[in-house]
Amino acid sequence: MTQPSRSSVSHLLTSQYRSDAPLLTLVRLYQNDWPKLVRSFGFYLVKHSPEWARPLIIANVVDIVAQPNQHDLRELWLNGAWLGVLIVQNLPMHYLHIRAMSAATRQMEANLRSAMTQRLQELSMGFHWQRSTGVLQAKLLQDVQKIEQLTSYLFQFVPSAVLTIIIAIVITARRAPWFLLFFFATVPAAVLLIWVLRKPMRDRNHVFRKQVETMSANLSEAIKLIPVTRAHGAEAEAMHRTNQQLEAVKQAGMRLDTINAITNSSTWVTLRSFNGLCLITAAWLAYQGRYDLSAGDVVLLSGYFDTLTQSMVMILTVMPQISTGFEAIRSVGEVLECPDLEQNQEKPAIASVKGEFHFEQVSFAYPHQTHAALTNISITVPQGRTVALVGPSGAGKSTLINLVIGFLRPTQGTLYLDGQDMNNFDLRTYRRWVAVVSQDTILFEGTVRENVLYGTDNIDETRLHQAIEDANADEFIRRLPQGLDTLIGENGAKLSGGQRQRLTIARALIRDPRVLILDEATASLDTASESLIQSALYRLMAGRTTFVVAHRLSTIRRADQIVVLDQGQIVEIGTHLELLAAQGLYTNLHELQA
């Protein structure tokens, strides 16, 4: 039988995930791996069997020693042999148990992380703009690990503890039925403890999880801001903010540890008190010669009551971890159950793009904001033309660009691509024809070759080298230690700003896009680098529909059309010379820069 594909598993998980039913969700996470869990549990029962047989064997040995006239010495050796076999078998059985358990849990981890990653790709950009990277990383890494640990507690420790309790009760019922009164008094006490402490444990786990997510987000941000912090001498303020968050996590963690300590100590005192009472009572009855109790029976009853109380302690001890695991399932549900999806399902793909755009009375308002970011935008961008977007901060330039990319959809009006309403298409297929070059270059920790070829397939060396040459990147790449195979560090940390930008342009060129987005592509570069980048950009823009966002007006003089935005509305449209002659907002902006 073939294993289901990772994509089908991810789809199944995202469609059946229910954070309001964490136990049912946990069962579904293993729906394709139950045979492995069953085998693992079977091996665990065999390897754990000495804990059930040991009190009986010890009781037999005690009776043999205490009553030598009634027993043969061979019985001693036989019991010893059984004990030895039970102990030795633990080694292979434990190995097989862990191997089967690991195969199931590691597959679940991979499936769940794959499902979360797939859902993150499907969620709208609004979801990502409102979430910290650190929080999402915590869900992908820490929460999934907690769910994996929950598996051991629920499918291994708890069932074995319950089985131990059953075995202890059955054997005790055969040897001294009246002794079950001690057992039946123990269980209600344990259940009462669980019922009383369940809600405080769940609430404190929830608070602690939220604090850890916030801390993860803040620490991730603090690490990214280290160059800014150091440059502005703000180390003390940064440490103050970090220490405040660490203190909040510490306090939440201490409250969680306190309730766990109360749970564990209350459990231990209660159950050990019953255990001591059981031992003294059995010994007193044997001493009085009542109920035909032998010394071995005292050991057996005390031993099985000890295993019963240990099992109850185990169940109550793992209750905080189980609560943490269920909270992790709810945390992961915040991703897998989020309804804020980019609506592409069941929409036709875009096979080709010419690059003609028409905005017809387009407006857009962000959720929970009183004023619209764009209002009644009407403009036509012919195929192959370059349009520049200018205006003061908050004018709506980025919002308009995100509409073009398809990250946002109009809340009013219609945006047409090549004469077709973009809302009617799967925008993921449209973006194969789009390339973005922004001020903030995004590279990953890999080689030059891997970064340039990212998102493309079947690119030959000739085309790769041509893209690099057109991006004016061939000269500095030849100087790198391993050329195209040189590792560039996280986000290209081993390269200069201009070099990183030229790799981004090479990546855009090799995609051969029909629609190009240039978002402040040269804003942070020195004059020499800007000259190289501009010449590469002109080659990239040739024959492609280009949207340019720029604050430096000197970089957009060649634009076919300049759109001036202010407070979400178009206030001027024209060429550079036409707008200067109009003596409007564009002229004011130009004079301020001059």
Foldseek 3Di string as FASTA:
>chain_A
DDDDDLVVLLVVLLVPADLVCLVVSLCSLQVVQVVLLVLLQVLLCQLCVCLLCVLVLVLVLVCCVVCVVVDDVVSNVVSVVVSVVSNVSNVVSVVSNCVSLCVRLVVSLVSLLSSLVVLVVFFFVVVVVVAFPQLSVCLSPVLSVLLSVLCCLPSHLLVVLVVLLVSLQVVCCVQPVVLCVLVVVLVVVLVVLCVVLVVVLLVLLLQLSVLVSVLSRLVVVLVVCVVVCVVVVNPVVSVVVNVVSVVSNVVSVVSNVVSLVVQLVSLCVSLVVSLVVLLVVLVVCVVVCPPVDHPSNSSSNSSSSVSNSVSSSSSSNCSSSNSNSSSSSSSSCCRSVDPNGQPAPPFAADPDAQAKKWFAQFWAADPPDDATLAGGDTDIFDFLAEEEEDEDPSLNQVVVVCCVLSSDPTPDTFMDGPRHGPSRHRSVNVNLQEAEAELQQAAAFFFLLCRLCPPHPDDDPVLLVVLLVLLVQQVVLVVDPVRRRDGQPGRSPNDDSLNSRSSSSSSLVSSNHQEYEYHCNCVPDDPVSSVSRLSSVVVSSGRHYYYYYHLPVVSCQVGQKYFYGGSNYTDDMDHPVVVCVVPDPSVVSVVVVD
